[in-house]
Amino acid sequence: KPFPCSECGKCFAQKSHLVKHHRSHTGD
């Protein structure tokens, strides 16, 4: 899981999953 979240540190196997997760922090 090479893609970590800069907000909470959670890691993801795919960059697209990280992008989706990041919206939970930004409300986008």
mmCIF file of all heavy atoms, coordinates in Angstrom:
data_MODEL
# 
_entry.id   MODEL 
# 
loop_
_atom_site.group_PDB 
_atom_site.id 
_atom_site.type_symbol 
_atom_site.label_atom_id 
_atom_site.label_alt_id 
_atom_site.label_comp_id 
_atom_site.label_asym_id 
_atom_site.label_entity_id 
_atom_site.label_seq_id 
_atom_site.pdbx_PDB_ins_code 
_atom_site.Cartn_x 
_atom_site.Cartn_y 
_atom_site.Cartn_z 
_atom_site.occupancy 
_atom_site.B_iso_or_equiv 
_atom_site.pdbx_formal_charge 
_atom_site.auth_seq_id 
_atom_site.auth_comp_id 
_atom_site.auth_asym_id 
_atom_site.auth_atom_id 
_atom_site.pdbx_PDB_model_num 
ATOM 1   N N   . LYS A 1 1  ? 0.854   -1.192 0.000  1.00 0.00 ? 1  LYS A N   1 
ATOM 2   C CA  . LYS A 1 1  ? 0.000   0.000  0.000  1.00 0.00 ? 1  LYS A CA  1 
ATOM 3   C C   . LYS A 1 1  ? 0.890   1.244  0.000  1.00 0.00 ? 1  LYS A C   1 
ATOM 4   O O   . LYS A 1 1  ? 1.169   1.829  1.056  1.00 0.00 ? 1  LYS A O   1 
ATOM 5   C CB  . LYS A 1 1  ? -0.928  -0.009 1.210  1.00 0.00 ? 1  LYS A CB  1 
ATOM 6   C CG  . LYS A 1 1  ? -1.937  -1.156 1.191  1.00 0.00 ? 1  LYS A CG  1 
ATOM 7   C CD  . LYS A 1 1  ? -2.860  -1.135 2.395  1.00 0.00 ? 1  LYS A CD  1 
ATOM 8   C CE  . LYS A 1 1  ? -3.900  -2.269 2.325  1.00 0.00 ? 1  LYS A CE  1 
ATOM 9   N NZ  . LYS A 1 1  ? -4.815  -2.246 3.492  1.00 0.00 ? 1  LYS A NZ  1 
ATOM 10  N N   . PRO A 1 2  ? 1.330   1.623  -1.204 1.00 0.00 ? 2  PRO A N   1 
ATOM 11  C CA  . PRO A 1 2  ? 2.343   2.687  -1.286 1.00 0.00 ? 2  PRO A CA  1 
ATOM 12  C C   . PRO A 1 2  ? 1.801   4.115  -1.279 1.00 0.00 ? 2  PRO A C   1 
ATOM 13  O O   . PRO A 1 2  ? 2.571   5.060  -1.442 1.00 0.00 ? 2  PRO A O   1 
ATOM 14  C CB  . PRO A 1 2  ? 3.021   2.394  -2.633 1.00 0.00 ? 2  PRO A CB  1 
ATOM 15  C CG  . PRO A 1 2  ? 1.946   1.778  -3.461 1.00 0.00 ? 2  PRO A CG  1 
ATOM 16  C CD  . PRO A 1 2  ? 1.052   1.021  -2.515 1.00 0.00 ? 2  PRO A CD  1 
ATOM 17  N N   . PHE A 1 3  ? 0.462   4.284  -1.103 1.00 0.00 ? 3  PHE A N   1 
ATOM 18  C CA  . PHE A 1 3  ? -0.115  5.632  -1.168 1.00 0.00 ? 3  PHE A CA  1 
ATOM 19  C C   . PHE A 1 3  ? -0.705  6.023  0.187  1.00 0.00 ? 3  PHE A C   1 
ATOM 20  O O   . PHE A 1 3  ? -1.854  5.675  0.508  1.00 0.00 ? 3  PHE A O   1 
ATOM 21  C CB  . PHE A 1 3  ? -1.184  5.693  -2.267 1.00 0.00 ? 3  PHE A CB  1 
ATOM 22  C CG  . PHE A 1 3  ? -0.662  5.364  -3.639 1.00 0.00 ? 3  PHE A CG  1 
ATOM 23  C CD1 . PHE A 1 3  ? -0.912  4.122  -4.220 1.00 0.00 ? 3  PHE A CD1 1 
ATOM 24  C CD2 . PHE A 1 3  ? 0.115   6.280  -4.333 1.00 0.00 ? 3  PHE A CD2 1 
ATOM 25  C CE1 . PHE A 1 3  ? -0.417  3.818  -5.472 1.00 0.00 ? 3  PHE A CE1 1 
ATOM 26  C CE2 . PHE A 1 3  ? 0.606   5.981  -5.596 1.00 0.00 ? 3  PHE A CE2 1 
ATOM 27  C CZ  . PHE A 1 3  ? 0.352   4.740  -6.166 1.00 0.00 ? 3  PHE A CZ  1 
ATOM 28  N N   . PRO A 1 4  ? 0.055   6.765  1.024  1.00 0.00 ? 4  PRO A N   1 
ATOM 29  C CA  . PRO A 1 4  ? -0.430  7.159  2.350  1.00 0.00 ? 4  PRO A CA  1 
ATOM 30  C C   . PRO A 1 4  ? -1.218  8.472  2.302  1.00 0.00 ? 4  PRO A C   1 
ATOM 31  O O   . PRO A 1 4  ? -0.945  9.361  1.490  1.00 0.00 ? 4  PRO A O   1 
ATOM 32  C CB  . PRO A 1 4  ? 0.853   7.342  3.154  1.00 0.00 ? 4  PRO A CB  1 
ATOM 33  C CG  . PRO A 1 4  ? 1.860   7.779  2.128  1.00 0.00 ? 4  PRO A CG  1 
ATOM 34  C CD  . PRO A 1 4  ? 1.468   7.106  0.836  1.00 0.00 ? 4  PRO A CD  1 
ATOM 35  N N   . CYS A 1 5  ? -2.202  8.613  3.198  1.00 0.00 ? 5  CYS A N   1 
ATOM 36  C CA  . CYS A 1 5  ? -2.972  9.842  3.335  1.00 0.00 ? 5  CYS A CA  1 
ATOM 37  C C   . CYS A 1 5  ? -2.175  10.838 4.175  1.00 0.00 ? 5  CYS A C   1 
ATOM 38  O O   . CYS A 1 5  ? -1.739  10.513 5.292  1.00 0.00 ? 5  CYS A O   1 
ATOM 39  C CB  . CYS A 1 5  ? -4.319  9.557  3.987  1.00 0.00 ? 5  CYS A CB  1 
ATOM 40  S SG  . CYS A 1 5  ? -5.270  11.056 4.352  1.00 0.00 ? 5  CYS A SG  1 
ATOM 41  N N   . SER A 1 6  ? -2.011  12.042 3.678  1.00 0.00 ? 6  SER A N   1 
ATOM 42  C CA  . SER A 1 6  ? -1.230  13.059 4.392  1.00 0.00 ? 6  SER A CA  1 
ATOM 43  C C   . SER A 1 6  ? -1.967  13.573 5.630  1.00 0.00 ? 6  SER A C   1 
ATOM 44  O O   . SER A 1 6  ? -1.355  14.169 6.523  1.00 0.00 ? 6  SER A O   1 
ATOM 45  C CB  . SER A 1 6  ? -0.910  14.226 3.459  1.00 0.00 ? 6  SER A CB  1 
ATOM 46  O OG  . SER A 1 6  ? -2.102  14.800 2.941  1.00 0.00 ? 6  SER A OG  1 
ATOM 47  N N   . GLU A 1 7  ? -3.289  13.326 5.694  1.00 0.00 ? 7  GLU A N   1 
ATOM 48  C CA  . GLU A 1 7  ? -4.071  13.800 6.836  1.00 0.00 ? 7  GLU A CA  1 
ATOM 49  C C   . GLU A 1 7  ? -4.042  12.824 8.013  1.00 0.00 ? 7  GLU A C   1 
ATOM 50  O O   . GLU A 1 7  ? -3.781  13.211 9.148  1.00 0.00 ? 7  GLU A O   1 
ATOM 51  C CB  . GLU A 1 7  ? -5.529  14.031 6.404  1.00 0.00 ? 7  GLU A CB  1 
ATOM 52  C CG  . GLU A 1 7  ? -5.726  15.186 5.430  1.00 0.00 ? 7  GLU A CG  1 
ATOM 53  C CD  . GLU A 1 7  ? -5.556  16.539 6.105  1.00 0.00 ? 7  GLU A CD  1 
ATOM 54  O OE1 . GLU A 1 7  ? -5.845  16.643 7.315  1.00 0.00 ? 7  GLU A OE1 1 
ATOM 55  O OE2 . GLU A 1 7  ? -5.130  17.487 5.414  1.00 0.00 ? 7  GLU A OE2 1 
ATOM 56  N N   . CYS A 1 8  ? -4.308  11.534 7.728  1.00 0.00 ? 8  CYS A N   1 
ATOM 57  C CA  . CYS A 1 8  ? -4.441  10.564 8.829  1.00 0.00 ? 8  CYS A CA  1 
ATOM 58  C C   . CYS A 1 8  ? -3.447  9.412  8.764  1.00 0.00 ? 8  CYS A C   1 
ATOM 59  O O   . CYS A 1 8  ? -3.389  8.590  9.684  1.00 0.00 ? 8  CYS A O   1 
ATOM 60  C CB  . CYS A 1 8  ? -5.862  10.003 8.864  1.00 0.00 ? 8  CYS A CB  1 
ATOM 61  S SG  . CYS A 1 8  ? -6.294  9.027  7.383  1.00 0.00 ? 8  CYS A SG  1 
ATOM 62  N N   . GLY A 1 9  ? -2.660  9.309  7.678  1.00 0.00 ? 9  GLY A N   1 
ATOM 63  C CA  . GLY A 1 9  ? -1.649  8.264  7.591  1.00 0.00 ? 9  GLY A CA  1 
ATOM 64  C C   . GLY A 1 9  ? -2.136  6.935  7.054  1.00 0.00 ? 9  GLY A C   1 
ATOM 65  O O   . GLY A 1 9  ? -1.328  6.022  6.847  1.00 0.00 ? 9  GLY A O   1 
ATOM 66  N N   . LYS A 1 10 ? -3.440  6.789  6.817  1.00 0.00 ? 10 LYS A N   1 
ATOM 67  C CA  . LYS A 1 10 ? -3.961  5.541  6.268  1.00 0.00 ? 10 LYS A CA  1 
ATOM 68  C C   . LYS A 1 10 ? -3.383  5.312  4.871  1.00 0.00 ? 10 LYS A C   1 
ATOM 69  O O   . LYS A 1 10 ? -3.231  6.256  4.089  1.00 0.00 ? 10 LYS A O   1 
ATOM 70  C CB  . LYS A 1 10 ? -5.486  5.594  6.207  1.00 0.00 ? 10 LYS A CB  1 
ATOM 71  C CG  . LYS A 1 10 ? -6.136  4.257  5.840  1.00 0.00 ? 10 LYS A CG  1 
ATOM 72  C CD  . LYS A 1 10 ? -7.655  4.329  5.949  1.00 0.00 ? 10 LYS A CD  1 
ATOM 73  C CE  . LYS A 1 10 ? -8.289  2.976  5.603  1.00 0.00 ? 10 LYS A CE  1 
ATOM 74  N NZ  . LYS A 1 10 ? -9.780  3.016  5.714  1.00 0.00 ? 10 LYS A NZ  1 
ATOM 75  N N   . CYS A 1 11 ? -3.047  4.051  4.564  1.00 0.00 ? 11 CYS A N   1 
ATOM 76  C CA  . CYS A 1 11 ? -2.385  3.735  3.293  1.00 0.00 ? 11 CYS A CA  1 
ATOM 77  C C   . CYS A 1 11 ? -3.315  2.970  2.355  1.00 0.00 ? 11 CYS A C   1 
ATOM 78  O O   . CYS A 1 11 ? -4.175  2.203  2.799  1.00 0.00 ? 11 CYS A O   1 
ATOM 79  C CB  . CYS A 1 11 ? -1.120  2.918  3.542  1.00 0.00 ? 11 CYS A CB  1 
ATOM 80  S SG  . CYS A 1 11 ? 0.147   3.857  4.425  1.00 0.00 ? 11 CYS A SG  1 
ATOM 81  N N   . PHE A 1 12 ? -3.061  3.144  1.043  1.00 0.00 ? 12 PHE A N   1 
ATOM 82  C CA  . PHE A 1 12 ? -3.909  2.539  0.020  1.00 0.00 ? 12 PHE A CA  1 
ATOM 83  C C   . PHE A 1 12 ? -3.060  1.887  -1.063 1.00 0.00 ? 12 PHE A C   1 
ATOM 84  O O   . PHE A 1 12 ? -1.940  2.327  -1.344 1.00 0.00 ? 12 PHE A O   1 
ATOM 85  C CB  . PHE A 1 12 ? -4.833  3.597  -0.584 1.00 0.00 ? 12 PHE A CB  1 
ATOM 86  C CG  . PHE A 1 12 ? -5.780  4.197  0.420  1.00 0.00 ? 12 PHE A CG  1 
ATOM 87  C CD1 . PHE A 1 12 ? -5.384  5.290  1.181  1.00 0.00 ? 12 PHE A CD1 1 
ATOM 88  C CD2 . PHE A 1 12 ? -7.029  3.642  0.642  1.00 0.00 ? 12 PHE A CD2 1 
ATOM 89  C CE1 . PHE A 1 12 ? -6.236  5.835  2.127  1.00 0.00 ? 12 PHE A CE1 1 
ATOM 90  C CE2 . PHE A 1 12 ? -7.891  4.184  1.591  1.00 0.00 ? 12 PHE A CE2 1 
ATOM 91  C CZ  . PHE A 1 12 ? -7.489  5.286  2.341  1.00 0.00 ? 12 PHE A CZ  1 
ATOM 92  N N   . ALA A 1 13 ? -3.626  0.822  -1.673 1.00 0.00 ? 13 ALA A N   1 
ATOM 93  C CA  . ALA A 1 13 ? -2.907  0.090  -2.719 1.00 0.00 ? 13 ALA A CA  1 
ATOM 94  C C   . ALA A 1 13 ? -2.916  0.851  -4.038 1.00 0.00 ? 13 ALA A C   1 
ATOM 95  O O   . ALA A 1 13 ? -2.001  0.712  -4.850 1.00 0.00 ? 13 ALA A O   1 
ATOM 96  C CB  . ALA A 1 13 ? -3.521  -1.301 -2.908 1.00 0.00 ? 13 ALA A CB  1 
ATOM 97  N N   . GLN A 1 14 ? -3.944  1.677  -4.262 1.00 0.00 ? 14 GLN A N   1 
ATOM 98  C CA  . GLN A 1 14 ? -4.069  2.405  -5.521 1.00 0.00 ? 14 GLN A CA  1 
ATOM 99  C C   . GLN A 1 14 ? -4.240  3.900  -5.253 1.00 0.00 ? 14 GLN A C   1 
ATOM 100 O O   . GLN A 1 14 ? -4.889  4.302  -4.275 1.00 0.00 ? 14 GLN A O   1 
ATOM 101 C CB  . GLN A 1 14 ? -5.268  1.891  -6.324 1.00 0.00 ? 14 GLN A CB  1 
ATOM 102 C CG  . GLN A 1 14 ? -5.164  0.427  -6.715 1.00 0.00 ? 14 GLN A CG  1 
ATOM 103 C CD  . GLN A 1 14 ? -6.372  -0.046 -7.482 1.00 0.00 ? 14 GLN A CD  1 
ATOM 104 O OE1 . GLN A 1 14 ? -7.000  0.727  -8.217 1.00 0.00 ? 14 GLN A OE1 1 
ATOM 105 N NE2 . GLN A 1 14 ? -6.719  -1.313 -7.334 1.00 0.00 ? 14 GLN A NE2 1 
ATOM 106 N N   . LYS A 1 15 ? -3.683  4.711  -6.129 1.00 0.00 ? 15 LYS A N   1 
ATOM 107 C CA  . LYS A 1 15 ? -3.758  6.163  -5.969 1.00 0.00 ? 15 LYS A CA  1 
ATOM 108 C C   . LYS A 1 15 ? -5.205  6.645  -6.042 1.00 0.00 ? 15 LYS A C   1 
ATOM 109 O O   . LYS A 1 15 ? -5.606  7.578  -5.331 1.00 0.00 ? 15 LYS A O   1 
ATOM 110 C CB  . LYS A 1 15 ? -2.924  6.842  -7.056 1.00 0.00 ? 15 LYS A CB  1 
ATOM 111 C CG  . LYS A 1 15 ? -2.735  8.330  -6.817 1.00 0.00 ? 15 LYS A CG  1 
ATOM 112 C CD  . LYS A 1 15 ? -1.799  8.942  -7.843 1.00 0.00 ? 15 LYS A CD  1 
ATOM 113 C CE  . LYS A 1 15 ? -1.594  10.435 -7.572 1.00 0.00 ? 15 LYS A CE  1 
ATOM 114 N NZ  . LYS A 1 15 ? -0.668  11.059 -8.557 1.00 0.00 ? 15 LYS A NZ  1 
ATOM 115 N N   . SER A 1 16 ? -6.009  5.987  -6.915 1.00 0.00 ? 16 SER A N   1 
ATOM 116 C CA  . SER A 1 16 ? -7.413  6.393  -7.059 1.00 0.00 ? 16 SER A CA  1 
ATOM 117 C C   . SER A 1 16 ? -8.181  6.201  -5.746 1.00 0.00 ? 16 SER A C   1 
ATOM 118 O O   . SER A 1 16 ? -9.061  6.999  -5.411 1.00 0.00 ? 16 SER A O   1 
ATOM 119 C CB  . SER A 1 16 ? -8.084  5.600  -8.185 1.00 0.00 ? 16 SER A CB  1 
ATOM 120 O OG  . SER A 1 16 ? -8.019  4.198  -7.919 1.00 0.00 ? 16 SER A OG  1 
ATOM 121 N N   . HIS A 1 17 ? -7.831  5.151  -4.976 1.00 0.00 ? 17 HIS A N   1 
ATOM 122 C CA  . HIS A 1 17 ? -8.476  4.911  -3.684 1.00 0.00 ? 17 HIS A CA  1 
ATOM 123 C C   . HIS A 1 17 ? -8.098  6.000  -2.681 1.00 0.00 ? 17 HIS A C   1 
ATOM 124 O O   . HIS A 1 17 ? -8.933  6.428  -1.861 1.00 0.00 ? 17 HIS A O   1 
ATOM 125 C CB  . HIS A 1 17 ? -8.076  3.541  -3.138 1.00 0.00 ? 17 HIS A CB  1 
ATOM 126 C CG  . HIS A 1 17 ? -8.611  2.397  -3.952 1.00 0.00 ? 17 HIS A CG  1 
ATOM 127 N ND1 . HIS A 1 17 ? -8.219  1.075  -3.749 1.00 0.00 ? 17 HIS A ND1 1 
ATOM 128 C CD2 . HIS A 1 17 ? -9.490  2.360  -4.981 1.00 0.00 ? 17 HIS A CD2 1 
ATOM 129 C CE1 . HIS A 1 17 ? -8.841  0.304  -4.620 1.00 0.00 ? 17 HIS A CE1 1 
ATOM 130 N NE2 . HIS A 1 17 ? -9.614  1.066  -5.378 1.00 0.00 ? 17 HIS A NE2 1 
ATOM 131 N N   . LEU A 1 18 ? -6.828  6.442  -2.741 1.00 0.00 ? 18 LEU A N   1 
ATOM 132 C CA  . LEU A 1 18 ? -6.387  7.527  -1.868 1.00 0.00 ? 18 LEU A CA  1 
ATOM 133 C C   . LEU A 1 18 ? -7.148  8.817  -2.186 1.00 0.00 ? 18 LEU A C   1 
ATOM 134 O O   . LEU A 1 18 ? -7.576  9.533  -1.262 1.00 0.00 ? 18 LEU A O   1 
ATOM 135 C CB  . LEU A 1 18 ? -4.879  7.756  -2.042 1.00 0.00 ? 18 LEU A CB  1 
ATOM 136 C CG  . LEU A 1 18 ? -4.309  9.013  -1.375 1.00 0.00 ? 18 LEU A CG  1 
ATOM 137 C CD1 . LEU A 1 18 ? -4.530  8.967  0.137  1.00 0.00 ? 18 LEU A CD1 1 
ATOM 138 C CD2 . LEU A 1 18 ? -2.827  9.173  -1.699 1.00 0.00 ? 18 LEU A CD2 1 
ATOM 139 N N   . VAL A 1 19 ? -7.331  9.109  -3.477 1.00 0.00 ? 19 VAL A N   1 
ATOM 140 C CA  . VAL A 1 19 ? -8.044  10.321 -3.889 1.00 0.00 ? 19 VAL A CA  1 
ATOM 141 C C   . VAL A 1 19 ? -9.474  10.305 -3.339 1.00 0.00 ? 19 VAL A C   1 
ATOM 142 O O   . VAL A 1 19 ? -9.967  11.311 -2.800 1.00 0.00 ? 19 VAL A O   1 
ATOM 143 C CB  . VAL A 1 19 ? -8.052  10.451 -5.434 1.00 0.00 ? 19 VAL A CB  1 
ATOM 144 C CG1 . VAL A 1 19 ? -8.987  11.574 -5.873 1.00 0.00 ? 19 VAL A CG1 1 
ATOM 145 C CG2 . VAL A 1 19 ? -6.642  10.702 -5.960 1.00 0.00 ? 19 VAL A CG2 1 
ATOM 146 N N   . LYS A 1 20 ? -10.151 9.152  -3.454 1.00 0.00 ? 20 LYS A N   1 
ATOM 147 C CA  . LYS A 1 20 ? -11.524 9.032  -2.942 1.00 0.00 ? 20 LYS A CA  1 
ATOM 148 C C   . LYS A 1 20 ? -11.556 9.216  -1.426 1.00 0.00 ? 20 LYS A C   1 
ATOM 149 O O   . LYS A 1 20 ? -12.405 9.922  -0.883 1.00 0.00 ? 20 LYS A O   1 
ATOM 150 C CB  . LYS A 1 20 ? -12.099 7.665  -3.309 1.00 0.00 ? 20 LYS A CB  1 
ATOM 151 C CG  . LYS A 1 20 ? -12.376 7.497  -4.799 1.00 0.00 ? 20 LYS A CG  1 
ATOM 152 C CD  . LYS A 1 20 ? -12.814 6.069  -5.109 1.00 0.00 ? 20 LYS A CD  1 
ATOM 153 C CE  . LYS A 1 20 ? -12.944 5.849  -6.611 1.00 0.00 ? 20 LYS A CE  1 
ATOM 154 N NZ  . LYS A 1 20 ? -13.248 4.432  -6.928 1.00 0.00 ? 20 LYS A NZ  1 
ATOM 155 N N   . HIS A 1 21 ? -10.595 8.572  -0.739 1.00 0.00 ? 21 HIS A N   1 
ATOM 156 C CA  . HIS A 1 21 ? -10.539 8.679  0.720  1.00 0.00 ? 21 HIS A CA  1 
ATOM 157 C C   . HIS A 1 21 ? -10.310 10.117 1.165  1.00 0.00 ? 21 HIS A C   1 
ATOM 158 O O   . HIS A 1 21 ? -10.904 10.580 2.156  1.00 0.00 ? 21 HIS A O   1 
ATOM 159 C CB  . HIS A 1 21 ? -9.414  7.788  1.261  1.00 0.00 ? 21 HIS A CB  1 
ATOM 160 C CG  . HIS A 1 21 ? -8.989  8.137  2.658  1.00 0.00 ? 21 HIS A CG  1 
ATOM 161 N ND1 . HIS A 1 21 ? -9.705  7.743  3.769  1.00 0.00 ? 21 HIS A ND1 1 
ATOM 162 C CD2 . HIS A 1 21 ? -7.929  8.875  3.105  1.00 0.00 ? 21 HIS A CD2 1 
ATOM 163 C CE1 . HIS A 1 21 ? -9.108  8.218  4.862  1.00 0.00 ? 21 HIS A CE1 1 
ATOM 164 N NE2 . HIS A 1 21 ? -8.024  8.893  4.476  1.00 0.00 ? 21 HIS A NE2 1 
ATOM 165 N N   . HIS A 1 22 ? -9.467  10.839 0.435  1.00 0.00 ? 22 HIS A N   1 
ATOM 166 C CA  . HIS A 1 22 ? -9.084  12.201 0.834  1.00 0.00 ? 22 HIS A CA  1 
ATOM 167 C C   . HIS A 1 22 ? -10.301 13.125 0.880  1.00 0.00 ? 22 HIS A C   1 
ATOM 168 O O   . HIS A 1 22 ? -10.315 14.119 1.622  1.00 0.00 ? 22 HIS A O   1 
ATOM 169 C CB  . HIS A 1 22 ? -8.039  12.743 -0.150 1.00 0.00 ? 22 HIS A CB  1 
ATOM 170 C CG  . HIS A 1 22 ? -7.225  13.863 0.429  1.00 0.00 ? 22 HIS A CG  1 
ATOM 171 N ND1 . HIS A 1 22 ? -6.336  13.696 1.472  1.00 0.00 ? 22 HIS A ND1 1 
ATOM 172 C CD2 . HIS A 1 22 ? -7.178  15.192 0.108  1.00 0.00 ? 22 HIS A CD2 1 
ATOM 173 C CE1 . HIS A 1 22 ? -5.771  14.851 1.766  1.00 0.00 ? 22 HIS A CE1 1 
ATOM 174 N NE2 . HIS A 1 22 ? -6.265  15.781 0.958  1.00 0.00 ? 22 HIS A NE2 1 
ATOM 175 N N   . ARG A 1 23 ? -11.349 12.787 0.124  1.00 0.00 ? 23 ARG A N   1 
ATOM 176 C CA  . ARG A 1 23 ? -12.559 13.607 0.133  1.00 0.00 ? 23 ARG A CA  1 
ATOM 177 C C   . ARG A 1 23 ? -13.279 13.563 1.483  1.00 0.00 ? 23 ARG A C   1 
ATOM 178 O O   . ARG A 1 23 ? -14.052 14.454 1.817  1.00 0.00 ? 23 ARG A O   1 
ATOM 179 C CB  . ARG A 1 23 ? -13.508 13.159 -0.983 1.00 0.00 ? 23 ARG A CB  1 
ATOM 180 C CG  . ARG A 1 23 ? -12.979 13.441 -2.378 1.00 0.00 ? 23 ARG A CG  1 
ATOM 181 C CD  . ARG A 1 23 ? -13.906 12.923 -3.451 1.00 0.00 ? 23 ARG A CD  1 
ATOM 182 N NE  . ARG A 1 23 ? -13.231 12.938 -4.744 1.00 0.00 ? 23 ARG A NE  1 
ATOM 183 C CZ  . ARG A 1 23 ? -13.334 11.988 -5.656 1.00 0.00 ? 23 ARG A CZ  1 
ATOM 184 N NH1 . ARG A 1 23 ? -14.113 10.934 -5.437 1.00 0.00 ? 23 ARG A NH1 1 
ATOM 185 N NH2 . ARG A 1 23 ? -12.682 12.090 -6.804 1.00 0.00 ? 23 ARG A NH2 1 
ATOM 186 N N   . SER A 1 24 ? -13.018 12.482 2.257  1.00 0.00 ? 24 SER A N   1 
ATOM 187 C CA  . SER A 1 24 ? -13.638 12.395 3.583  1.00 0.00 ? 24 SER A CA  1 
ATOM 188 C C   . SER A 1 24 ? -13.063 13.454 4.520  1.00 0.00 ? 24 SER A C   1 
ATOM 189 O O   . SER A 1 24 ? -13.680 13.822 5.509  1.00 0.00 ? 24 SER A O   1 
ATOM 190 C CB  . SER A 1 24 ? -13.437 10.994 4.180  1.00 0.00 ? 24 SER A CB  1 
ATOM 191 O OG  . SER A 1 24 ? -12.045 10.755 4.437  1.00 0.00 ? 24 SER A OG  1 
ATOM 192 N N   . HIS A 1 25 ? -11.858 13.946 4.210  1.00 0.00 ? 25 HIS A N   1 
ATOM 193 C CA  . HIS A 1 25 ? -11.246 15.013 5.003  1.00 0.00 ? 25 HIS A CA  1 
ATOM 194 C C   . HIS A 1 25 ? -11.631 16.395 4.466  1.00 0.00 ? 25 HIS A C   1 
ATOM 195 O O   . HIS A 1 25 ? -11.852 17.330 5.241  1.00 0.00 ? 25 HIS A O   1 
ATOM 196 C CB  . HIS A 1 25 ? -9.713  14.897 4.978  1.00 0.00 ? 25 HIS A CB  1 
ATOM 197 C CG  . HIS A 1 25 ? -9.189  13.637 5.606  1.00 0.00 ? 25 HIS A CG  1 
ATOM 198 N ND1 . HIS A 1 25 ? -9.357  13.320 6.940  1.00 0.00 ? 25 HIS A ND1 1 
ATOM 199 C CD2 . HIS A 1 25 ? -8.500  12.605 5.058  1.00 0.00 ? 25 HIS A CD2 1 
ATOM 200 C CE1 . HIS A 1 25 ? -8.784  12.161 7.199  1.00 0.00 ? 25 HIS A CE1 1 
ATOM 201 N NE2 . HIS A 1 25 ? -8.258  11.692 6.067  1.00 0.00 ? 25 HIS A NE2 1 
ATOM 202 N N   . THR A 1 26 ? -11.716 16.532 3.151  1.00 0.00 ? 26 THR A N   1 
ATOM 203 C CA  . THR A 1 26 ? -11.971 17.835 2.555  1.00 0.00 ? 26 THR A CA  1 
ATOM 204 C C   . THR A 1 26 ? -13.438 18.142 2.360  1.00 0.00 ? 26 THR A C   1 
ATOM 205 O O   . THR A 1 26 ? -13.831 19.319 2.233  1.00 0.00 ? 26 THR A O   1 
ATOM 206 C CB  . THR A 1 26 ? -11.286 17.938 1.159  1.00 0.00 ? 26 THR A CB  1 
ATOM 207 O OG1 . THR A 1 26 ? -11.879 16.955 0.297  1.00 0.00 ? 26 THR A OG1 1 
ATOM 208 C CG2 . THR A 1 26 ? -9.796  17.676 1.274  1.00 0.00 ? 26 THR A CG2 1 
ATOM 209 N N   . GLY A 1 27 ? -14.287 17.084 2.389  1.00 0.00 ? 27 GLY A N   1 
ATOM 210 C CA  . GLY A 1 27 ? -15.715 17.303 2.132  1.00 0.00 ? 27 GLY A CA  1 
ATOM 211 C C   . GLY A 1 27 ? -16.030 17.558 0.668  1.00 0.00 ? 27 GLY A C   1 
ATOM 212 O O   . GLY A 1 27 ? -17.158 17.937 0.330  1.00 0.00 ? 27 GLY A O   1 
ATOM 213 N N   . ASP A 1 28 ? -15.063 17.367 -0.178 1.00 0.00 ? 28 ASP A N   1 
ATOM 214 C CA  . ASP A 1 28 ? -15.233 17.614 -1.609 1.00 0.00 ? 28 ASP A CA  1 
ATOM 215 C C   . ASP A 1 28 ? -16.256 16.662 -2.199 1.00 0.00 ? 28 ASP A C   1 
ATOM 216 O O   . ASP A 1 28 ? -16.212 15.452 -1.964 1.00 0.00 ? 28 ASP A O   1 
ATOM 217 C CB  . ASP A 1 28 ? -13.867 17.448 -2.284 1.00 0.00 ? 28 ASP A CB  1 
ATOM 218 C CG  . ASP A 1 28 ? -13.892 17.800 -3.762 1.00 0.00 ? 28 ASP A CG  1 
ATOM 219 O OD1 . ASP A 1 28 ? -14.747 18.593 -4.169 1.00 0.00 ? 28 ASP A OD1 1 
ATOM 220 O OD2 . ASP A 1 28 ? -13.036 17.274 -4.497 1.00 0.00 ? 28 ASP A OD2 1 
# 
